[in-house]
Protein backbone atom coordinates (compact mmCIF):
# COMPACT_ATOMS: atom_id res chain seq x y z
CA UNK A 1 0.00 0.00 0.00
CA UNK A 2 1.34 3.41 -0.97
CA UNK A 3 1.15 5.82 1.94
CA UNK A 4 0.51 9.55 1.61
CA UNK A 5 3.62 11.70 1.98
CA UNK A 6 4.36 14.00 4.89
CA UNK A 7 7.21 16.37 4.05
CA UNK A 8 9.49 18.24 6.43
CA UNK A 9 10.79 21.76 5.99
CA UNK A 10 14.45 22.27 5.15
CA UNK A 11 16.91 21.20 7.85
CA UNK A 12 14.15 19.78 10.06
CA UNK A 13 15.26 16.18 9.52
CA UNK A 14 18.51 16.34 11.51
CA UNK A 15 17.03 15.33 14.88
CA UNK A 16 15.15 12.45 13.24
CA UNK A 17 18.27 11.25 11.41
CA UNK A 18 19.98 11.16 14.82
CA UNK A 19 17.32 8.77 16.11
CA UNK A 20 14.48 10.87 17.55
CA UNK A 21 10.96 9.68 16.80
CA UNK A 22 8.90 12.86 17.14
CA UNK A 23 7.87 15.43 14.56
CA UNK A 24 6.45 18.79 15.65
CA UNK A 25 3.77 20.56 13.68
CA UNK A 26 5.97 23.59 12.95
CA UNK A 27 8.50 21.29 11.23
CA UNK A 28 6.08 20.25 8.47
CA UNK A 29 6.05 21.81 5.00
CA UNK A 30 2.31 22.32 5.06
CA UNK A 31 2.26 23.87 1.60
CA UNK A 32 3.63 20.68 0.08
CA UNK A 33 1.76 18.29 2.40
CA UNK A 34 -1.04 19.95 4.39
CA UNK A 35 -1.57 18.43 7.81
CA UNK A 36 -5.30 18.97 7.48
CA UNK A 37 -5.31 16.28 4.78
CA UNK A 38 -4.71 13.67 7.48
CA UNK A 39 -7.16 12.23 9.99
CA UNK A 40 -5.89 11.54 13.53
CA UNK A 41 -3.94 8.28 13.48
CA UNK A 42 -3.38 8.05 9.73
CA UNK A 43 -0.11 6.56 8.53
CA UNK A 44 2.26 8.56 6.35
CA UNK A 45 5.60 8.20 4.59
CA UNK A 46 7.72 10.85 6.28
CA UNK A 47 10.27 12.48 4.00
CA UNK A 48 12.82 15.26 4.18
CA UNK A 49 12.59 18.50 2.20
CA UNK A 50 14.23 16.80 -0.81
CA UNK A 51 11.75 13.94 -0.83
CA UNK A 52 14.08 11.34 0.71
CA UNK A 53 12.27 8.73 2.79
CA UNK A 54 12.84 8.90 6.57
CA UNK A 55 10.30 6.44 7.90
CA UNK A 56 6.69 5.43 8.39
CA UNK A 57 4.89 7.53 10.99
CA UNK A 58 1.42 7.95 12.34
CA UNK A 59 -0.01 11.45 12.20
CA UNK A 60 -2.26 13.61 14.34
CA UNK A 61 -2.86 16.99 12.68
CA UNK A 62 -4.43 18.34 15.88
CA UNK A 63 -1.45 17.69 18.19
CA UNK A 64 1.76 19.63 18.78
CA UNK A 65 3.69 16.39 18.24
CA UNK A 66 2.00 15.80 14.93
CA UNK A 67 3.81 12.62 13.89
CA UNK A 68 5.72 9.77 15.55
CA UNK A 69 7.95 7.33 13.72
CA UNK A 70 7.13 3.62 13.90
CA UNK A 71 9.60 2.23 11.36
CA UNK A 72 12.54 3.38 9.22
CA UNK A 73 12.13 0.43 6.86
CA UNK A 74 10.23 1.46 3.74
CA UNK A 75 9.12 -2.14 3.16
CA UNK A 76 7.88 -2.83 6.70
CA UNK A 77 4.09 -2.84 6.85
CA UNK A 78 2.41 -1.58 10.01
CA UNK A 79 0.16 -4.59 10.44
CA UNK A 80 -0.54 -7.37 12.93
CA UNK A 81 2.84 -8.96 12.25
CA UNK A 82 4.57 -5.64 13.01
CA UNK A 83 2.97 -5.48 16.46
CA UNK A 84 3.68 -9.16 17.14
CA UNK A 85 7.35 -8.67 16.28
CA UNK A 86 7.78 -5.53 18.41
CA UNK A 87 5.91 -6.98 21.39
CA UNK A 88 7.85 -10.24 21.16
CA UNK A 89 11.13 -8.31 21.25
CA UNK A 90 9.97 -6.34 24.30
CA UNK A 91 8.86 -9.55 26.04
CA UNK A 92 12.15 -11.34 25.33
CA UNK A 93 14.07 -8.48 26.95
CA UNK A 94 11.89 -8.46 30.09
CA UNK A 95 12.15 -12.23 30.43
CA UNK A 96 15.92 -11.84 30.39
CA UNK A 97 15.71 -9.16 33.08
CA UNK A 98 13.18 -10.70 35.47
CA UNK A 99 12.44 -14.26 36.63
CA UNK A 100 8.73 -13.58 37.16
CA UNK A 101 6.12 -11.86 34.94
CA UNK A 102 5.85 -8.55 36.77
CA UNK A 103 7.30 -5.61 34.84
CA UNK A 104 6.72 -2.84 32.36
CA UNK A 105 6.38 -4.82 29.15
CA UNK A 106 6.32 -1.84 26.77
CA UNK A 107 7.81 1.55 27.57
CA UNK A 108 6.69 3.65 24.63
CA UNK A 109 9.61 5.26 22.76
CA UNK A 110 12.09 3.21 24.80
CA UNK A 111 10.74 0.13 23.00
CA UNK A 112 10.30 1.95 19.66
CA UNK A 113 6.52 1.94 20.16
CA UNK A 114 5.70 5.61 20.77
CA UNK A 115 2.43 6.23 22.57
CA UNK A 116 2.05 2.69 23.96
CA UNK A 117 2.55 1.61 27.58
CA UNK A 118 1.91 -1.90 28.89
CA UNK A 119 2.47 -3.02 32.49
CA UNK A 120 2.25 -6.73 33.26
CA UNK A 121 0.98 -8.13 36.54
CA UNK A 122 1.25 -11.87 35.77
CA UNK A 123 -2.24 -12.75 34.44
CA UNK A 124 -3.27 -9.11 34.00
CA UNK A 125 -1.94 -6.53 31.55
CA UNK A 126 -2.70 -2.84 31.93
CA UNK A 127 -2.51 -0.97 28.64
CA UNK A 128 -2.35 2.77 28.00
CA UNK A 129 -2.96 4.03 24.46
CA UNK A 130 -1.74 7.61 24.76
CA UNK A 131 -1.95 8.74 21.13
CA UNK A 132 -4.42 8.64 18.28
CA UNK A 133 -2.04 6.50 16.22
CA UNK A 134 -1.99 3.80 18.89
CA UNK A 135 -5.72 4.12 19.52
CA UNK A 136 -6.45 3.47 15.84
CA UNK A 137 -4.42 0.24 15.97
CA UNK A 138 -5.46 -0.96 19.41
CA UNK A 139 -7.37 -4.01 18.13
CA UNK A 140 -4.25 -5.30 16.35
CA UNK A 141 -2.05 -4.52 19.36
CA UNK A 142 -4.35 -6.35 21.79
CA UNK A 143 -4.63 -9.29 19.41
CA UNK A 144 -0.83 -9.53 19.23
CA UNK A 145 -0.57 -9.20 23.02
CA UNK A 146 -3.14 -11.94 23.59
CA UNK A 147 -1.39 -14.28 21.16
CA UNK A 148 1.93 -13.66 22.89
CA UNK A 149 1.14 -14.07 26.60
CA UNK A 150 -2.58 -14.94 26.82
CA UNK A 151 -3.50 -12.73 29.79
CA UNK A 152 -6.67 -13.50 31.71
CA UNK A 153 -7.60 -9.84 31.60
CA UNK A 154 -6.53 -6.66 29.84
CA UNK A 155 -7.32 -3.36 31.52
CA UNK A 156 -7.40 -0.38 29.17
CA UNK A 157 -6.38 2.60 31.31
CA UNK A 158 -7.02 5.15 28.61
CA UNK A 159 -7.40 8.00 31.07
CA UNK A 160 -3.95 9.61 31.02
CA UNK A 161 -3.71 13.42 30.66
CA UNK A 162 -1.70 12.99 27.46
CA UNK A 163 -4.80 11.71 25.68
CA UNK A 164 -6.42 15.13 25.99
CA UNK A 165 -3.50 16.59 24.02
CA UNK A 166 -4.37 14.12 21.26
CA UNK A 167 -8.08 14.95 21.32
CA UNK A 168 -8.95 11.54 22.78
CA UNK A 169 -11.55 10.84 25.49
CA UNK A 170 -10.68 9.43 28.90
CA UNK A 171 -12.04 5.93 29.43
CA UNK A 172 -11.34 2.72 31.35
CA UNK A 173 -12.35 -0.69 30.04
CA UNK A 174 -11.75 -4.31 31.02
CA UNK A 175 -11.43 -7.14 28.53
CA UNK A 176 -11.55 -10.66 29.92
CA UNK A 177 -12.09 -11.67 33.53
CA UNK A 178 -10.29 -9.42 36.00
CA UNK A 179 -9.28 -11.26 39.20
CA UNK A 180 -10.65 -9.83 42.43
CA UNK A 181 -7.10 -9.36 43.71
CA UNK A 182 -4.35 -8.07 41.41
CA UNK A 183 -0.78 -7.88 42.69
CA UNK A 184 2.55 -6.48 41.62
CA UNK A 185 5.70 -8.31 42.60
CA UNK A 186 8.78 -6.28 43.44
CA UNK A 187 12.06 -7.34 45.00
CA UNK A 188 10.52 -10.63 46.11
CA UNK A 189 7.40 -9.11 47.74
CA UNK A 190 3.78 -9.04 46.53
CA UNK A 191 1.74 -5.84 46.72
CA UNK A 192 -1.97 -5.54 46.07
CA UNK A 193 -2.76 -2.83 43.53
CA UNK A 194 -5.82 -1.20 41.99
CA UNK A 195 -5.46 -1.40 38.20
CA UNK A 196 -8.80 0.34 37.62
CA UNK A 197 -8.54 3.43 39.82
CA UNK A 198 -4.94 3.57 40.99
CA UNK A 199 -2.44 6.12 39.71
CA UNK A 200 -1.26 5.46 36.14
CA UNK A 201 -1.44 1.67 35.74
CA UNK A 202 -1.74 1.04 39.49
CA UNK A 203 1.98 0.55 40.21
CA UNK A 204 5.31 2.29 39.60
CA UNK A 205 7.77 -0.36 38.47
CA UNK A 206 10.31 2.35 37.59
CA UNK A 207 11.40 2.74 41.23
CA UNK A 208 12.14 -0.97 41.75
CA UNK A 209 15.98 -0.72 42.01
CA UNK A 210 15.83 2.45 44.11
CA UNK A 211 13.44 0.89 46.62
CA UNK A 212 15.76 -2.11 46.90
CA UNK A 213 18.70 0.16 47.75
CA UNK A 214 16.66 2.15 50.28
CA UNK A 215 15.47 -1.06 51.95
CA UNK A 216 19.06 -2.28 52.25
CA UNK A 217 19.91 0.90 54.19
CA UNK A 218 16.88 0.83 56.52
CA UNK A 219 17.89 -1.80 59.08
CA UNK A 220 17.60 -0.44 62.62
CA UNK A 221 16.47 3.02 61.50
CA UNK A 222 13.26 4.97 61.93
CA UNK A 223 11.96 5.59 58.41
CA UNK A 224 9.63 8.26 57.04
CA UNK A 225 8.00 7.47 53.68
CA UNK A 226 6.49 10.60 52.13
CA UNK A 227 3.86 10.28 49.37
CA UNK A 228 3.77 6.58 50.25
CA UNK A 229 0.93 5.61 47.86
CA UNK A 230 0.36 1.85 48.32
CA UNK A 231 3.35 1.34 50.62
CA UNK A 232 6.13 0.11 48.34
CA UNK A 233 8.97 1.98 50.06
CA UNK A 234 7.51 1.59 53.56
CA UNK A 235 6.79 -2.13 53.43
CA UNK A 236 10.14 -3.01 51.86
CA UNK A 237 11.96 -0.96 54.51
CA UNK A 238 10.00 -2.64 57.30
CA UNK A 239 10.62 -6.13 55.92
CA UNK A 240 14.34 -5.28 55.64
CA UNK A 241 14.53 -4.51 59.37
CA UNK A 242 13.60 -0.87 59.89
CA UNK A 243 12.93 -0.11 63.55
CA UNK A 244 9.72 1.73 62.75
CA UNK A 245 8.14 3.37 59.71
CA UNK A 246 5.73 6.26 59.31
CA UNK A 247 4.11 6.41 55.87
CA UNK A 248 2.25 9.54 54.80
CA UNK A 249 -0.18 10.08 51.92
CA UNK A 250 -3.26 12.21 51.32
CA UNK A 251 -5.24 9.41 49.62
CA UNK A 252 -7.42 7.23 51.85
CA UNK A 253 -7.82 4.58 49.14
CA UNK A 254 -4.05 4.33 48.60
CA UNK A 255 -3.46 4.03 52.34
CA UNK A 256 -6.05 1.25 52.60
CA UNK A 257 -4.06 -0.78 50.06
CA UNK A 258 -0.81 0.12 51.84
CA UNK A 259 -2.20 -1.20 55.13
CA UNK A 260 -3.28 -4.41 53.41
CA UNK A 261 0.20 -4.79 51.93
CA UNK A 262 1.78 -4.30 55.35
CA UNK A 263 -0.45 -7.01 56.82
CA UNK A 264 0.36 -9.33 53.92
CA UNK A 265 4.03 -9.18 54.90
CA UNK A 266 3.42 -9.20 58.67
CA UNK A 267 4.90 -5.75 59.29
CA UNK A 268 1.69 -3.88 60.12
CA UNK A 269 2.89 -3.44 63.71
CA UNK A 270 6.00 -1.63 62.48
CA UNK A 271 4.27 0.84 60.15
CA UNK A 272 2.07 3.77 61.09
CA UNK A 273 0.06 5.03 58.13
CA UNK A 274 -0.94 8.70 58.29
CA UNK A 275 -3.47 10.38 56.03
CA UNK A 276 -2.25 13.96 55.71
CA UNK A 277 -0.80 16.51 53.35
CA UNK A 278 2.93 15.85 53.34
CA UNK A 279 4.02 19.44 53.88
CA UNK A 280 1.63 19.81 56.83
CA UNK A 281 2.98 16.61 58.36
CA UNK A 282 6.59 17.77 57.98
CA UNK A 283 5.88 21.17 59.50
CA UNK A 284 4.26 19.54 62.52
CA UNK A 285 7.13 17.04 62.88
CA UNK A 286 9.62 19.90 62.77
CA UNK A 287 7.72 21.73 65.50
CA UNK A 288 7.40 18.68 67.76
CA UNK A 289 11.00 17.61 67.26
CA UNK A 290 10.16 14.24 65.72
CA UNK A 291 13.19 12.93 63.80
CA UNK A 292 13.88 10.03 61.43
CA UNK A 293 17.02 8.18 60.41
CA UNK A 294 15.93 7.72 56.78
CA UNK A 295 13.47 9.88 54.87
CA UNK A 296 12.14 9.06 51.41
CA UNK A 297 10.65 11.90 49.33
CA UNK A 298 8.97 10.41 46.26
CA UNK A 299 6.46 13.06 45.22
CA UNK A 300 4.33 13.22 42.09
CA UNK A 301 5.72 15.37 39.30
CA UNK A 302 5.85 19.02 40.38
CA UNK A 303 6.90 20.05 36.85
CA UNK A 304 4.69 18.62 34.12
CA UNK A 305 5.25 21.37 31.54
CA UNK A 306 8.04 23.81 30.82
CA UNK A 307 5.98 26.70 32.18
CA UNK A 308 5.85 24.94 35.58
CA UNK A 309 9.64 24.90 36.05
CA UNK A 310 10.06 27.92 38.36
CA UNK A 311 7.13 26.97 40.60
CA UNK A 312 8.19 23.32 40.62
CA UNK A 313 11.76 24.13 41.65
CA UNK A 314 10.40 26.12 44.58
CA UNK A 315 8.21 23.16 45.52
CA UNK A 316 11.05 20.63 45.43
CA UNK A 317 13.26 23.01 47.40
CA UNK A 318 10.64 23.58 50.11
CA UNK A 319 9.93 19.84 50.41
CA UNK A 320 13.59 18.93 50.79
CA UNK A 321 14.26 21.71 53.30
CA UNK A 322 11.47 20.43 55.51
CA UNK A 323 12.66 16.85 55.12
CA UNK A 324 16.22 17.77 56.11
CA UNK A 325 14.86 19.58 59.17
CA UNK A 326 13.20 16.32 60.28
CA UNK A 327 16.24 14.12 59.70
CA UNK A 328 18.43 12.70 62.44
CA UNK A 329 22.16 13.39 62.32
CA UNK A 330 23.64 11.27 60.89
CA UNK A 331 20.79 10.35 58.58
CA UNK A 332 19.90 9.38 55.03
CA UNK A 333 17.76 11.41 52.61
CA UNK A 334 16.37 9.78 49.48
CA UNK A 335 15.04 12.52 47.22
CA UNK A 336 13.23 11.63 44.00
CA UNK A 337 11.81 13.51 41.05
CA UNK A 338 9.91 12.10 38.08
CA UNK A 339 9.87 15.49 36.31
CA UNK A 340 11.77 15.34 33.02
CA UNK A 341 12.11 19.15 33.10
CA UNK A 342 14.17 18.94 36.33
CA UNK A 343 17.59 17.52 35.38
CA UNK A 344 19.55 15.51 37.94
CA UNK A 345 22.16 18.27 38.27
CA UNK A 346 19.47 20.82 39.09
CA UNK A 347 17.88 18.54 41.69
CA UNK A 348 21.33 18.15 43.24
CA UNK A 349 21.80 21.93 43.34
CA UNK A 350 18.47 22.60 45.01
CA UNK A 351 19.16 19.92 47.63
CA UNK A 352 22.58 21.49 48.24
CA UNK A 353 20.80 24.82 48.75
CA UNK A 354 18.30 23.15 51.11
CA UNK A 355 21.24 21.73 53.06
CA UNK A 356 22.78 25.17 53.34
CA UNK A 357 19.49 26.61 54.59
CA UNK A 358 19.24 23.89 57.27
CA UNK A 359 22.94 23.92 58.24
CA UNK A 360 23.30 20.33 57.04
CA UNK A 361 26.42 18.66 55.72
CA UNK A 362 25.48 16.34 52.86
CA UNK A 363 27.25 13.89 50.59
CA UNK A 364 25.63 12.28 47.55
CA UNK A 365 26.54 8.58 47.66
CA UNK A 366 24.22 7.04 45.05
CA UNK A 367 22.15 8.17 42.09
CA UNK A 368 19.30 5.97 40.96
CA UNK A 369 17.36 6.03 37.73
CA UNK A 370 14.36 4.23 36.28
CA UNK A 371 14.61 0.45 36.21
CA UNK A 372 15.74 -1.51 33.15
CA UNK A 373 12.17 -2.28 32.10
CA UNK A 374 11.84 1.49 31.45
CA UNK A 375 14.56 1.77 28.79
CA UNK A 376 15.93 5.18 27.86
CA UNK A 377 16.11 6.03 24.15
CA UNK A 378 19.52 7.74 23.79
CA UNK A 379 18.25 10.12 21.11
CA UNK A 380 15.13 11.08 23.09
CA UNK A 381 16.09 12.83 26.32
CA UNK A 382 12.43 12.95 27.33
CA UNK A 383 12.58 9.20 28.03
CA UNK A 384 15.08 9.76 30.87
CA UNK A 385 12.88 11.26 33.55
CA UNK A 386 13.39 9.58 36.94
CA UNK A 387 15.96 10.72 39.49
CA UNK A 388 16.53 9.13 42.91
CA UNK A 389 19.37 10.75 44.82
CA UNK A 390 20.72 9.21 48.03
CA UNK A 391 22.40 11.57 50.50
CA UNK A 392 24.31 10.96 53.71
CA UNK A 393 23.50 13.84 56.04
CA UNK A 394 25.55 15.02 59.03
Foldseek 3Di string as FASTA:
>chain_A
DAFAEWEFEPPQCPLVVVPFFFDFPVGTPCVVPNLVVDDFQGKHQYDYPVRHTQAIWGAQSQFRRGITHQGRDPPDDPALVSLLVLLVVLVVVVVVVDVAQFFWSDQAVLSSHHQWTWTTQQLEIEIERLASNCVVCVVSNVVSVCVPRNHQKYKYQHADPSNVSRVHDGDIDMDHDDDPWTWGDAPRATFTFDCGPAPDRGDAQFCRVVLVVLLCVQAAWEEEEEQCQQNSSPLSNQLSHHQAYEYEHQDPVRPVRNCVSNVVSVRNVRYHYYRDHRLVVLVVCLVVVAATQEYEADDAAQDADPVSVVVSLVVLLSNLLSNVSRYDVFHKYKYKHQALNQDPVNSVVSNVVSCVVNVKDKDWDDKDFTDPSQGDDVSDSSSGGMIITMIGID
